């Protein structure tokens, strides 16, 4: 690691501490004003400490704030956080600090002086910390523009991944790309002509060449990185673990693993429960309208032969998908007849979508237009067979026609809505729908 990186990594600690103290001092001086905000701030010297006493409190408070920021990874010596991400961490960190102070003084013991100081400290701490960090970045950027602190990199492997990384690293301003070479054989000569501090291998090489390049970098004190060839296909959801001293790179199909899975399921349970509770009167009115409009059950649950209507969910498991009945009773099987084949607007696709479907009832057209017929699936979400957001579940006979790459959408639970539903719905081609669902699966966030 370069000395400049270590310096700017370490300097953040005293700068954050000093700016936090300054913020708390500003809060103290602001509260000491006789009348600053009418009807809110009034002079009250009986609950206001002398400056030395307050300085001791501020020192403890600033130390606590730095511990919180450290837990958020804000003192990594080689930080790659962008400005927006760093500012977001400051806001979250100061908010956690405020909650901790309130919890301590309001639950464990009474607050020793004016509570308005806390509010002012909260605002000033965010502003001062942000300005301090921006100041450090400004100085570092000025030095980088003069070439001080830049890392010199060479790429082994002239491919799409290398070109993408060259663009990203060059744009960051922290790196100088010395060059891109095709093979390790030319690296010894290359480093005699150029300054090289790091090597990034982006091409697949055999075991012998891998050992040679690793030993060469160690010998010349050059930092070595590599991008596995599989990452040319998938560059998201990569997990690095250590098994028996050997680094293993795992390609996860989705971010919905570990805490991601817990958060999504918790959100589904909470939202579906209150959704069913709040919409129950609406469901009752819809049920009455369906029964008045046509004969048959309120919910579509059974096929023409009496068997349960099922959809295909996560990992290919079938489940009964509840929805309001929008068609005339016992007409589901007609969708595969020759008569309806010409009305299918998704020809060449595994899915069947009948244009101006004559089987749909008057109430059914209204329910379908606004997707109200899907709302009972909140029950499916509550019991865990579906999620609020995800790929739409399809019929078993449709899934049977999937090609291999289509089956990736079965990685997670199907959803009541998804990216395809808010970006064209049935007007999309099936491949476009799969692409949107795949993007959601790979890039999920709460």
Protein backbone atom coordinates (compact mmCIF):
# COMPACT_ATOMS: atom_id res chain seq x y z
CA UNK A 1 0.00 0.00 0.00
CA UNK A 2 1.32 3.44 -0.92
CA UNK A 3 2.26 5.85 1.83
CA UNK A 4 -0.23 8.43 0.58
CA UNK A 5 -3.05 5.89 0.92
CA UNK A 6 -2.01 5.07 4.48
CA UNK A 7 -1.76 8.77 5.32
CA UNK A 8 -5.18 9.70 3.94
CA UNK A 9 -6.65 6.59 5.54
CA UNK A 10 -5.32 7.51 8.97
CA UNK A 11 -5.89 11.27 8.76
CA UNK A 12 -9.64 10.66 8.61
CA UNK A 13 -9.63 9.60 12.28
CA UNK A 14 -8.29 12.85 13.85
CA UNK A 15 -10.18 14.97 11.29
CA UNK A 16 -13.49 13.24 12.14
CA UNK A 17 -12.80 13.60 15.87
CA UNK A 18 -11.92 17.28 15.53
CA UNK A 19 -14.94 18.09 13.32
CA UNK A 20 -17.25 16.21 15.71
CA UNK A 21 -15.91 18.21 18.66
CA UNK A 22 -16.33 21.41 16.67
CA UNK A 23 -19.93 20.43 15.86
CA UNK A 24 -20.70 19.83 19.52
CA UNK A 25 -19.07 23.17 20.44
CA UNK A 26 -21.25 24.95 17.85
CA UNK A 27 -24.29 23.27 19.38
CA UNK A 28 -23.20 24.50 22.83
CA UNK A 29 -22.74 28.09 21.64
CA UNK A 30 -26.04 28.07 19.75
CA UNK A 31 -27.95 26.84 22.81
CA UNK A 32 -26.27 29.49 24.95
CA UNK A 33 -27.97 32.26 22.96
CA UNK A 34 -30.66 34.06 24.93
CA UNK A 35 -33.51 33.75 22.43
CA UNK A 36 -32.74 32.20 19.07
CA UNK A 37 -35.97 30.44 18.09
CA UNK A 38 -39.12 32.08 19.55
CA UNK A 39 -41.34 29.77 21.64
CA UNK A 40 -38.81 26.93 21.24
CA UNK A 41 -35.45 28.04 22.66
CA UNK A 42 -35.51 29.92 25.91
CA UNK A 43 -32.60 30.76 28.26
CA UNK A 44 -32.29 28.18 31.02
CA UNK A 45 -28.89 28.44 32.74
CA UNK A 46 -29.89 26.00 35.49
CA UNK A 47 -29.70 23.07 33.08
CA UNK A 48 -26.67 24.25 31.11
CA UNK A 49 -23.17 22.99 32.03
CA UNK A 50 -20.01 25.07 32.20
CA UNK A 51 -17.71 24.71 29.17
CA UNK A 52 -15.08 22.38 30.77
CA UNK A 53 -17.81 19.98 31.90
CA UNK A 54 -19.41 20.08 28.48
CA UNK A 55 -16.03 19.48 26.79
CA UNK A 56 -15.64 16.20 28.71
CA UNK A 57 -19.12 15.12 27.56
CA UNK A 58 -18.30 16.13 23.97
CA UNK A 59 -15.07 14.10 24.02
CA UNK A 60 -16.94 10.97 25.10
CA UNK A 61 -19.66 11.65 22.53
CA UNK A 62 -17.14 12.16 19.72
CA UNK A 63 -15.32 8.94 20.66
CA UNK A 64 -18.61 7.04 20.59
CA UNK A 65 -19.39 8.49 17.16
CA UNK A 66 -16.01 7.39 15.79
CA UNK A 67 -16.58 3.85 17.10
CA UNK A 68 -19.90 3.73 15.23
CA UNK A 69 -18.31 5.03 12.03
CA UNK A 70 -15.50 2.50 12.39
CA UNK A 71 -18.08 -0.29 12.61
CA UNK A 72 -19.48 0.95 9.30
CA UNK A 73 -16.08 0.56 7.62
CA UNK A 74 -15.36 4.26 7.30
CA UNK A 75 -11.74 3.94 8.39
CA UNK A 76 -10.56 1.39 5.89
CA UNK A 77 -7.13 2.49 4.74
CA UNK A 78 -7.97 1.75 1.14
CA UNK A 79 -11.54 3.00 0.90
CA UNK A 80 -13.26 2.94 -2.49
CA UNK A 81 -16.53 4.57 -1.37
CA UNK A 82 -17.98 7.20 -3.70
CA UNK A 83 -18.92 10.63 -2.32
CA UNK A 84 -22.69 9.84 -2.17
CA UNK A 85 -22.01 6.53 -0.41
CA UNK A 86 -19.68 8.21 2.10
CA UNK A 87 -22.24 10.94 2.81
CA UNK A 88 -24.93 8.28 3.28
CA UNK A 89 -22.76 6.47 5.82
CA UNK A 90 -22.22 9.73 7.73
CA UNK A 91 -25.97 10.37 7.93
CA UNK A 92 -26.65 6.81 9.09
CA UNK A 93 -23.75 6.86 11.57
CA UNK A 94 -24.76 10.17 13.18
CA UNK A 95 -28.39 8.98 13.38
CA UNK A 96 -27.32 5.79 15.16
CA UNK A 97 -25.19 7.91 17.51
CA UNK A 98 -28.17 10.14 18.35
CA UNK A 99 -30.39 7.13 19.05
CA UNK A 100 -27.69 5.64 21.29
CA UNK A 101 -27.31 8.84 23.30
CA UNK A 102 -31.07 9.23 23.68
CA UNK A 103 -31.40 5.61 24.79
CA UNK A 104 -28.62 5.96 27.34
CA UNK A 105 -29.70 9.22 28.96
CA UNK A 106 -33.46 8.89 28.67
CA UNK A 107 -33.72 5.23 29.71
CA UNK A 108 -30.76 4.62 32.01
CA UNK A 109 -30.50 8.11 33.52
CA UNK A 110 -31.87 11.63 33.08
CA UNK A 111 -30.23 13.94 30.57
CA UNK A 112 -27.87 16.32 32.47
CA UNK A 113 -28.58 19.48 30.47
CA UNK A 114 -30.66 21.02 27.65
CA UNK A 115 -32.07 18.49 25.18
CA UNK A 116 -31.89 21.04 22.36
CA UNK A 117 -28.11 20.59 22.38
CA UNK A 118 -28.65 17.04 21.11
CA UNK A 119 -30.73 18.23 18.17
CA UNK A 120 -28.18 20.91 17.26
CA UNK A 121 -25.32 18.41 17.66
CA UNK A 122 -27.09 15.97 15.33
CA UNK A 123 -27.37 18.57 12.54
CA UNK A 124 -23.92 20.12 12.98
CA UNK A 125 -22.19 16.71 13.26
CA UNK A 126 -23.52 15.65 9.88
CA UNK A 127 -22.51 18.92 8.25
CA UNK A 128 -19.06 19.15 9.85
CA UNK A 129 -18.16 15.51 9.22
CA UNK A 130 -19.28 15.82 5.60
CA UNK A 131 -17.22 18.99 5.10
CA UNK A 132 -14.19 17.36 6.74
CA UNK A 133 -14.39 14.32 4.49
CA UNK A 134 -14.90 16.47 1.38
CA UNK A 135 -11.85 18.51 2.40
CA UNK A 136 -9.70 15.36 2.66
CA UNK A 137 -10.97 14.24 -0.75
CA UNK A 138 -10.17 17.62 -2.28
CA UNK A 139 -6.58 17.53 -1.05
CA UNK A 140 -6.15 13.92 -2.19
CA UNK A 141 -7.66 14.68 -5.61
CA UNK A 142 -5.34 17.66 -6.06
CA UNK A 143 -2.33 15.44 -5.35
CA UNK A 144 -3.61 12.69 -7.65
CA UNK A 145 -3.96 15.21 -10.48
CA UNK A 146 -0.24 15.89 -10.05
CA UNK A 147 0.47 12.18 -10.16
CA UNK A 148 1.14 11.88 -6.42
CA UNK A 149 -0.40 8.75 -4.95
CA UNK A 150 -1.52 7.14 -8.20
CA UNK A 151 -1.07 3.39 -8.60
CA UNK A 152 0.44 2.10 -11.85
CA UNK A 153 -1.28 -0.97 -13.26
CA UNK A 154 -0.72 -3.34 -16.16
CA UNK A 155 -3.34 -5.78 -17.46
CA UNK A 156 -2.45 -9.30 -18.60
CA UNK A 157 -5.18 -10.22 -21.05
CA UNK A 158 -6.61 -8.01 -23.77
CA UNK A 159 -10.35 -8.77 -23.58
CA UNK A 160 -13.71 -7.15 -22.82
CA UNK A 161 -13.22 -7.35 -19.05
CA UNK A 162 -9.83 -5.64 -19.30
CA UNK A 163 -11.26 -2.83 -21.43
CA UNK A 164 -14.08 -2.28 -18.97
CA UNK A 165 -11.70 -2.18 -16.00
CA UNK A 166 -9.36 0.19 -17.84
CA UNK A 167 -12.24 2.63 -18.33
CA UNK A 168 -13.41 2.36 -14.70
CA UNK A 169 -9.94 2.69 -13.13
CA UNK A 170 -8.90 5.54 -15.41
CA UNK A 171 -12.11 7.43 -14.66
CA UNK A 172 -11.53 7.08 -10.89
CA UNK A 173 -8.38 9.21 -11.14
CA UNK A 174 -6.57 6.95 -8.66
CA UNK A 175 -4.82 4.75 -11.22
CA UNK A 176 -2.52 5.03 -14.19
CA UNK A 177 -2.89 2.18 -16.65
CA UNK A 178 0.64 1.49 -17.83
CA UNK A 179 -0.59 -0.85 -20.54
CA UNK A 180 -2.44 -3.98 -21.60
CA UNK A 181 -0.41 -7.01 -22.68
CA UNK A 182 -1.59 -10.30 -24.17
CA UNK A 183 0.56 -12.73 -22.23
CA UNK A 184 2.77 -13.10 -19.19
CA UNK A 185 5.80 -13.76 -21.41
CA UNK A 186 6.11 -10.04 -22.21
CA UNK A 187 5.67 -8.84 -18.61
CA UNK A 188 9.38 -9.05 -17.54
CA UNK A 189 10.38 -6.81 -20.44
CA UNK A 190 7.41 -4.51 -19.90
CA UNK A 191 8.30 -3.67 -16.30
CA UNK A 192 11.82 -2.64 -17.31
CA UNK A 193 10.31 0.11 -19.48
CA UNK A 194 7.34 1.17 -17.35
CA UNK A 195 6.55 1.77 -13.69
CA UNK A 196 4.32 -1.11 -12.57
CA UNK A 197 2.98 -1.56 -9.04
CA UNK A 198 0.06 -3.88 -9.71
CA UNK A 199 -0.87 -6.59 -12.20
CA UNK A 200 -4.48 -7.53 -13.00
CA UNK A 201 -4.85 -10.81 -14.88
CA UNK A 202 -8.08 -10.95 -16.91
CA UNK A 203 -7.40 -13.99 -19.12
CA UNK A 204 -7.52 -17.68 -18.36
CA UNK A 205 -4.07 -19.24 -17.97
CA UNK A 206 -2.80 -22.73 -17.16
CA UNK A 207 -1.45 -23.80 -13.77
CA UNK A 208 2.20 -23.46 -14.79
CA UNK A 209 1.81 -19.92 -16.10
CA UNK A 210 -0.28 -18.98 -13.03
CA UNK A 211 2.52 -20.11 -10.71
CA UNK A 212 5.09 -18.20 -12.79
CA UNK A 213 3.19 -14.93 -12.77
CA UNK A 214 2.47 -15.18 -9.04
CA UNK A 215 6.13 -15.87 -8.20
CA UNK A 216 7.25 -13.07 -10.51
CA UNK A 217 4.98 -10.55 -8.80
CA UNK A 218 6.15 -11.65 -5.37
CA UNK A 219 9.75 -11.35 -6.44
CA UNK A 220 9.32 -7.82 -7.74
CA UNK A 221 6.93 -6.70 -4.95
CA UNK A 222 4.08 -6.20 -7.39
CA UNK A 223 0.51 -6.58 -6.17
CA UNK A 224 -1.36 -9.32 -8.07
CA UNK A 225 -5.07 -9.51 -8.84
CA UNK A 226 -7.01 -11.84 -11.07
CA UNK A 227 -10.47 -11.97 -12.60
CA UNK A 228 -11.75 -15.53 -13.10
CA UNK A 229 -12.87 -16.22 -16.65
CA UNK A 230 -16.40 -17.07 -15.46
CA UNK A 231 -16.83 -13.46 -14.46
CA UNK A 232 -16.91 -12.50 -18.11
CA UNK A 233 -20.38 -14.05 -18.04
CA UNK A 234 -21.42 -13.13 -14.51
CA UNK A 235 -19.89 -10.26 -12.59
CA UNK A 236 -22.49 -9.82 -9.86
CA UNK A 237 -23.13 -11.69 -6.61
CA UNK A 238 -19.56 -12.94 -6.22
CA UNK A 239 -18.59 -14.35 -2.85
CA UNK A 240 -15.02 -15.12 -1.82
CA UNK A 241 -14.46 -17.66 0.94
CA UNK A 242 -11.49 -19.53 2.36
CA UNK A 243 -11.64 -23.31 2.62
CA UNK A 244 -8.59 -25.11 3.98
CA UNK A 245 -6.40 -22.11 3.21
CA UNK A 246 -7.55 -22.08 -0.44
CA UNK A 247 -9.52 -19.03 -1.67
CA UNK A 248 -12.77 -20.12 -3.33
CA UNK A 249 -14.75 -17.76 -5.56
CA UNK A 250 -18.46 -18.54 -5.58
CA UNK A 251 -20.95 -17.13 -8.07
CA UNK A 252 -24.25 -16.67 -6.24
CA UNK A 253 -27.40 -16.68 -8.40
CA UNK A 254 -28.95 -13.85 -6.39
CA UNK A 255 -28.34 -11.45 -3.53
CA UNK A 256 -31.34 -13.03 -1.85
CA UNK A 257 -29.17 -15.09 0.43
CA UNK A 258 -28.54 -14.80 4.15
CA UNK A 259 -29.85 -11.50 5.53
CA UNK A 260 -31.28 -10.57 2.12
CA UNK A 261 -33.61 -13.54 2.28
CA UNK A 262 -34.61 -12.74 5.87
CA UNK A 263 -35.33 -9.08 5.06
CA UNK A 264 -37.42 -9.87 1.99
CA UNK A 265 -39.48 -12.52 3.79
CA UNK A 266 -40.05 -10.22 6.79
CA UNK A 267 -41.22 -7.45 4.48
CA UNK A 268 -43.53 -9.89 2.66
CA UNK A 269 -45.15 -11.13 5.88
CA UNK A 270 -45.69 -7.63 7.27
CA UNK A 271 -47.03 -6.15 4.01
CA UNK A 272 -49.29 -9.09 3.03
CA UNK A 273 -50.83 -9.33 6.52
CA UNK A 274 -51.80 -5.66 6.64
CA UNK A 275 -52.72 -5.71 2.94
CA UNK A 276 -55.24 -8.51 3.52
CA UNK A 277 -56.55 -6.74 6.62
CA UNK A 278 -57.06 -3.39 4.89
CA UNK A 279 -58.42 -4.81 1.62
CA UNK A 280 -60.89 -7.29 3.16
CA UNK A 281 -63.89 -4.91 2.70
CA UNK A 282 -62.88 -4.38 -0.94
CA UNK A 283 -62.57 -8.15 -1.44
CA UNK A 284 -66.13 -8.58 -0.13
CA UNK A 285 -67.50 -6.07 -2.66
CA UNK A 286 -65.57 -7.71 -5.52
CA UNK A 287 -66.90 -11.13 -4.50
CA UNK A 288 -70.48 -9.83 -4.65
CA UNK A 289 -69.85 -8.26 -8.09
CA UNK A 290 -68.40 -11.51 -9.47
CA UNK A 291 -71.36 -13.59 -8.25
CA UNK A 292 -73.88 -11.12 -9.68
CA UNK A 293 -72.07 -10.94 -13.04
CA UNK A 294 -71.78 -14.68 -13.76
CA UNK A 295 -72.28 -18.14 -12.34
CA UNK A 296 -69.40 -19.88 -10.64
CA UNK A 297 -67.04 -19.48 -7.66
CA UNK A 298 -65.52 -16.17 -6.58
CA UNK A 299 -61.96 -17.49 -6.81
CA UNK A 300 -60.37 -19.35 -9.72
CA UNK A 301 -58.99 -22.44 -7.99
CA UNK A 302 -60.03 -25.46 -10.06
CA UNK A 303 -59.58 -26.50 -13.69
CA UNK A 304 -62.35 -27.81 -15.93
CA UNK A 305 -61.60 -31.41 -14.92
CA UNK A 306 -61.94 -30.61 -11.22
CA UNK A 307 -58.21 -30.66 -10.44
CA UNK A 308 -56.60 -27.76 -8.59
CA UNK A 309 -55.24 -24.94 -10.76
CA UNK A 310 -51.54 -24.67 -9.98
CA UNK A 311 -48.61 -22.49 -10.97
CA UNK A 312 -44.90 -23.22 -10.93
CA UNK A 313 -42.90 -21.49 -8.22
CA UNK A 314 -39.39 -21.49 -6.80
CA UNK A 315 -37.22 -24.44 -7.86
CA UNK A 316 -40.07 -25.74 -10.05
CA UNK A 317 -42.41 -26.54 -7.16
CA UNK A 318 -46.12 -26.36 -8.01
CA UNK A 319 -48.54 -24.48 -5.76
CA UNK A 320 -52.20 -23.35 -5.87
CA UNK A 321 -52.21 -19.70 -6.94
CA UNK A 322 -55.33 -17.86 -5.73
CA UNK A 323 -56.95 -15.16 -7.86
CA UNK A 324 -60.40 -13.74 -8.49
CA UNK A 325 -62.30 -15.53 -11.27
CA UNK A 326 -62.41 -13.28 -14.34
CA UNK A 327 -63.68 -15.80 -16.93
CA UNK A 328 -66.89 -17.72 -17.40
CA UNK A 329 -66.86 -20.89 -15.35
CA UNK A 330 -65.26 -24.05 -16.85
CA UNK A 331 -63.74 -22.29 -19.88
CA UNK A 332 -60.04 -22.45 -18.96
CA UNK A 333 -59.28 -25.46 -21.18
CA UNK A 334 -60.57 -23.66 -24.29
CA UNK A 335 -57.36 -21.59 -24.45
CA UNK A 336 -55.56 -24.56 -26.09
CA UNK A 337 -58.21 -25.25 -28.73
CA UNK A 338 -57.70 -24.53 -32.43
CA UNK A 339 -60.40 -21.90 -32.26
CA UNK A 340 -58.34 -19.81 -29.79
CA UNK A 341 -54.92 -20.54 -31.32
CA UNK A 342 -55.34 -17.70 -33.84
CA UNK A 343 -56.15 -15.25 -31.05
CA UNK A 344 -52.90 -15.94 -29.21
CA UNK A 345 -50.84 -12.72 -29.26
CA UNK A 346 -47.74 -14.52 -28.01
CA UNK A 347 -47.14 -16.99 -30.81
CA UNK A 348 -43.75 -18.67 -30.66
CA UNK A 349 -43.66 -18.13 -26.89
CA UNK A 350 -44.25 -20.70 -24.14
CA UNK A 351 -47.00 -18.40 -22.84
CA UNK A 352 -50.55 -18.14 -24.15
CA UNK A 353 -52.17 -14.71 -24.14
CA UNK A 354 -55.59 -14.46 -25.84
CA UNK A 355 -56.35 -11.10 -27.41
CA UNK A 356 -59.91 -9.84 -26.74
CA UNK A 357 -60.64 -13.10 -24.92
CA UNK A 358 -64.39 -13.85 -25.33
CA UNK A 359 -64.36 -15.95 -22.15
CA UNK A 360 -63.71 -12.92 -19.91
CA UNK A 361 -66.73 -11.55 -18.05
CA UNK A 362 -67.71 -7.89 -17.76
CA UNK A 363 -66.45 -7.65 -14.18
CA UNK A 364 -63.44 -9.73 -15.18
CA UNK A 365 -62.36 -7.16 -17.79
CA UNK A 366 -62.35 -4.44 -15.11
CA UNK A 367 -60.43 -6.62 -12.65
CA UNK A 368 -57.83 -7.57 -15.27
CA UNK A 369 -57.39 -4.00 -16.50
CA UNK A 370 -56.27 -2.84 -13.06
CA UNK A 371 -54.71 -6.19 -11.98
CA UNK A 372 -57.20 -6.40 -9.11
CA UNK A 373 -57.74 -10.10 -9.84
CA UNK A 374 -54.21 -10.79 -8.56
CA UNK A 375 -54.70 -9.24 -5.10
CA UNK A 376 -55.88 -12.46 -3.36
CA UNK A 377 -52.33 -13.70 -3.97
CA UNK A 378 -51.45 -11.69 -0.87
CA UNK A 379 -52.51 -14.90 0.88
CA UNK A 380 -49.90 -16.82 -1.15
CA UNK A 381 -47.35 -14.23 -0.02
CA UNK A 382 -48.36 -14.60 3.63
CA UNK A 383 -48.05 -18.42 3.59
CA UNK A 384 -44.73 -18.25 1.74
CA UNK A 385 -45.40 -19.68 -1.72
CA UNK A 386 -45.06 -16.24 -3.36
CA UNK A 387 -43.45 -12.86 -2.74
CA UNK A 388 -44.73 -9.33 -3.33
CA UNK A 389 -42.11 -8.80 -6.04
CA UNK A 390 -40.59 -11.40 -8.34
CA UNK A 391 -41.10 -13.15 -11.69
CA UNK A 392 -44.74 -13.90 -12.43
CA UNK A 393 -45.63 -17.60 -11.91
CA UNK A 394 -46.61 -19.51 -15.06
CA UNK A 395 -48.66 -22.62 -15.70
CA UNK A 396 -46.95 -26.06 -15.65
CA UNK A 397 -47.66 -26.60 -19.37
CA UNK A 398 -46.01 -23.26 -20.14
CA UNK A 399 -42.94 -23.95 -17.98
CA UNK A 400 -42.58 -27.31 -19.72
CA UNK A 401 -41.80 -25.34 -22.91
CA UNK A 402 -39.04 -23.25 -21.27
CA UNK A 403 -35.55 -23.37 -22.73
CA UNK A 404 -32.63 -23.88 -20.33
CA UNK A 405 -31.85 -20.20 -19.78
CA UNK A 406 -35.52 -19.44 -19.07
CA UNK A 407 -35.47 -21.65 -15.97
CA UNK A 408 -33.25 -19.18 -14.13
CA UNK A 409 -36.43 -17.25 -13.24
CA UNK A 410 -37.36 -20.17 -10.98
CA UNK A 411 -34.40 -19.32 -8.70
CA UNK A 412 -36.56 -17.19 -6.37
CA UNK A 413 -40.19 -17.11 -5.30
CA UNK A 414 -42.60 -15.76 -7.92
CA UNK A 415 -44.17 -12.37 -7.25
CA UNK A 416 -47.51 -10.59 -7.49
CA UNK A 417 -45.67 -7.95 -9.49
CA UNK A 418 -42.22 -7.58 -11.01
CA UNK A 419 -40.04 -5.62 -13.41
CA UNK A 420 -41.81 -7.10 -16.44
CA UNK A 421 -45.22 -6.05 -15.07
CA UNK A 422 -44.21 -2.39 -14.73
CA UNK A 423 -42.35 -2.31 -18.04
CA UNK A 424 -44.89 -3.45 -20.62
CA UNK A 425 -46.67 -6.47 -19.10
CA UNK A 426 -48.09 -8.73 -21.85
CA UNK A 427 -46.88 -6.34 -24.57
CA UNK A 428 -43.32 -7.53 -23.91
CA UNK A 429 -41.81 -10.45 -25.77
CA UNK A 430 -41.14 -13.48 -23.61
CA UNK A 431 -37.35 -13.08 -23.94
CA UNK A 432 -37.62 -9.45 -22.79
CA UNK A 433 -39.68 -10.58 -19.81
CA UNK A 434 -37.04 -13.16 -18.88
CA UNK A 435 -34.27 -10.56 -19.20
CA UNK A 436 -36.08 -8.18 -16.82
CA UNK A 437 -36.77 -10.96 -14.32
CA UNK A 438 -33.13 -12.09 -14.54
CA UNK A 439 -31.95 -8.55 -13.86
CA UNK A 440 -34.17 -8.36 -10.78
CA UNK A 441 -32.90 -11.70 -9.46
CA UNK A 442 -29.25 -10.72 -9.88
CA UNK A 443 -29.59 -7.14 -8.62
CA UNK A 444 -32.21 -7.43 -5.87
CA UNK A 445 -32.22 -4.85 -3.10
CA UNK A 446 -34.76 -4.06 -0.40
